[in-house]
Amino acid sequence: MDAGLMDASLMNAGLMNAGLIGMNSRFFASLAGIENYGCLNLLLERLQNS
């Protein structure tokens, strides 16, 4: 796994944690959801292809 992909997944984990901890977690998740979902799909694809 390359560093860029790892950085992206760490960033997404941070965003997810912030959303879960925050009072507006649902709103936050909807804002970040598209980005997180795209990154997750990319990670899964990379894992399956390796």
C-alpha atoms as a PDB file:
ATOM      1  CA  MET A   1       0.000   0.000   0.000  1.00  0.00           C
ATOM      2  CA  ASP A   2       1.464   3.336  -0.988  1.00  0.00           C
ATOM      3  CA  ALA A   3       1.878   6.252   1.410  1.00  0.00           C
ATOM      4  CA  GLY A   4      -0.731   8.415  -0.303  1.00  0.00           C
ATOM      5  CA  LEU A   5      -3.399   5.768   0.065  1.00  0.00           C
ATOM      6  CA  MET A   6      -2.447   5.188   3.692  1.00  0.00           C
ATOM      7  CA  ASP A   7      -2.606   8.931   4.412  1.00  0.00           C
ATOM      8  CA  ALA A   8      -6.046   9.076   2.836  1.00  0.00           C
ATOM      9  CA  SER A   9      -7.336   6.168   4.917  1.00  0.00           C
ATOM     10  CA  LEU A  10      -5.907   7.662   8.125  1.00  0.00           C
ATOM     11  CA  MET A  11      -7.514  10.988   7.277  1.00  0.00           C
ATOM     12  CA  ASN A  12     -10.842   9.257   6.642  1.00  0.00           C
ATOM     13  CA  ALA A  13     -10.577   7.422   9.974  1.00  0.00           C
ATOM     14  CA  GLY A  14     -10.017  10.784  11.655  1.00  0.00           C
ATOM     15  CA  LEU A  15     -13.027  12.316   9.918  1.00  0.00           C
ATOM     16  CA  MET A  16     -15.172   9.362  10.907  1.00  0.00           C
ATOM     17  CA  ASN A  17     -14.083   9.612  14.551  1.00  0.00           C
ATOM     18  CA  ALA A  18     -14.766  13.342  14.591  1.00  0.00           C
ATOM     19  CA  GLY A  19     -18.222  12.698  13.153  1.00  0.00           C
ATOM     20  CA  LEU A  20     -19.053   9.990  15.696  1.00  0.00           C
ATOM     21  CA  ILE A  21     -17.848  12.069  18.635  1.00  0.00           C
ATOM     22  CA  GLY A  22     -19.596  15.249  17.449  1.00  0.00           C
ATOM     23  CA  MET A  23     -23.220  16.015  18.216  1.00  0.00           C
ATOM     24  CA  ASN A  24     -23.931  16.458  14.511  1.00  0.00           C
ATOM     25  CA  SER A  25     -22.492  13.090  13.558  1.00  0.00           C
ATOM     26  CA  ARG A  26     -25.208  12.358  11.022  1.00  0.00           C
ATOM     27  CA  PHE A  27     -24.764  15.721   9.304  1.00  0.00           C
ATOM     28  CA  PHE A  28     -20.984  15.351   9.372  1.00  0.00           C
ATOM     29  CA  ALA A  29     -21.183  11.855   7.946  1.00  0.00           C
ATOM     30  CA  SER A  30     -23.334  13.076   5.068  1.00  0.00           C
ATOM     31  CA  LEU A  31     -20.763  15.779   4.261  1.00  0.00           C
ATOM     32  CA  ALA A  32     -17.792  13.415   4.382  1.00  0.00           C
ATOM     33  CA  GLY A  33     -19.621  10.306   3.200  1.00  0.00           C
ATOM     34  CA  ILE A  34     -19.012  10.613  -0.540  1.00  0.00           C
ATOM     35  CA  GLU A  35     -15.258  11.085  -0.066  1.00  0.00           C
ATOM     36  CA  ASN A  36     -14.971   8.310   2.505  1.00  0.00           C
ATOM     37  CA  TYR A  37     -17.009   5.904   0.428  1.00  0.00           C
ATOM     38  CA  GLY A  38     -14.866   6.531  -2.647  1.00  0.00           C
ATOM     39  CA  CYS A  39     -11.654   6.019  -0.695  1.00  0.00           C
ATOM     40  CA  LEU A  40     -12.988   2.863   0.925  1.00  0.00           C
ATOM     41  CA  ASN A  41     -13.875   1.406  -2.459  1.00  0.00           C
ATOM     42  CA  LEU A  42     -10.394   2.246  -3.731  1.00  0.00           C
ATOM     43  CA  LEU A  43      -8.780   0.555  -0.729  1.00  0.00           C
ATOM     44  CA  LEU A  44     -10.918  -2.561  -1.128  1.00  0.00           C
ATOM     45  CA  GLU A  45     -10.070  -2.721  -4.823  1.00  0.00           C
ATOM     46  CA  ARG A  46      -6.353  -2.446  -4.073  1.00  0.00           C
ATOM     47  CA  LEU A  47      -6.562  -5.181  -1.439  1.00  0.00           C
ATOM     48  CA  GLN A  48      -8.416  -7.559  -3.745  1.00  0.00           C
ATOM     49  CA  ASN A  49      -5.960  -6.970  -6.595  1.00  0.00           C
ATOM     50  CA  SER A  50      -2.821  -7.496  -4.517  1.00  0.00           C
END
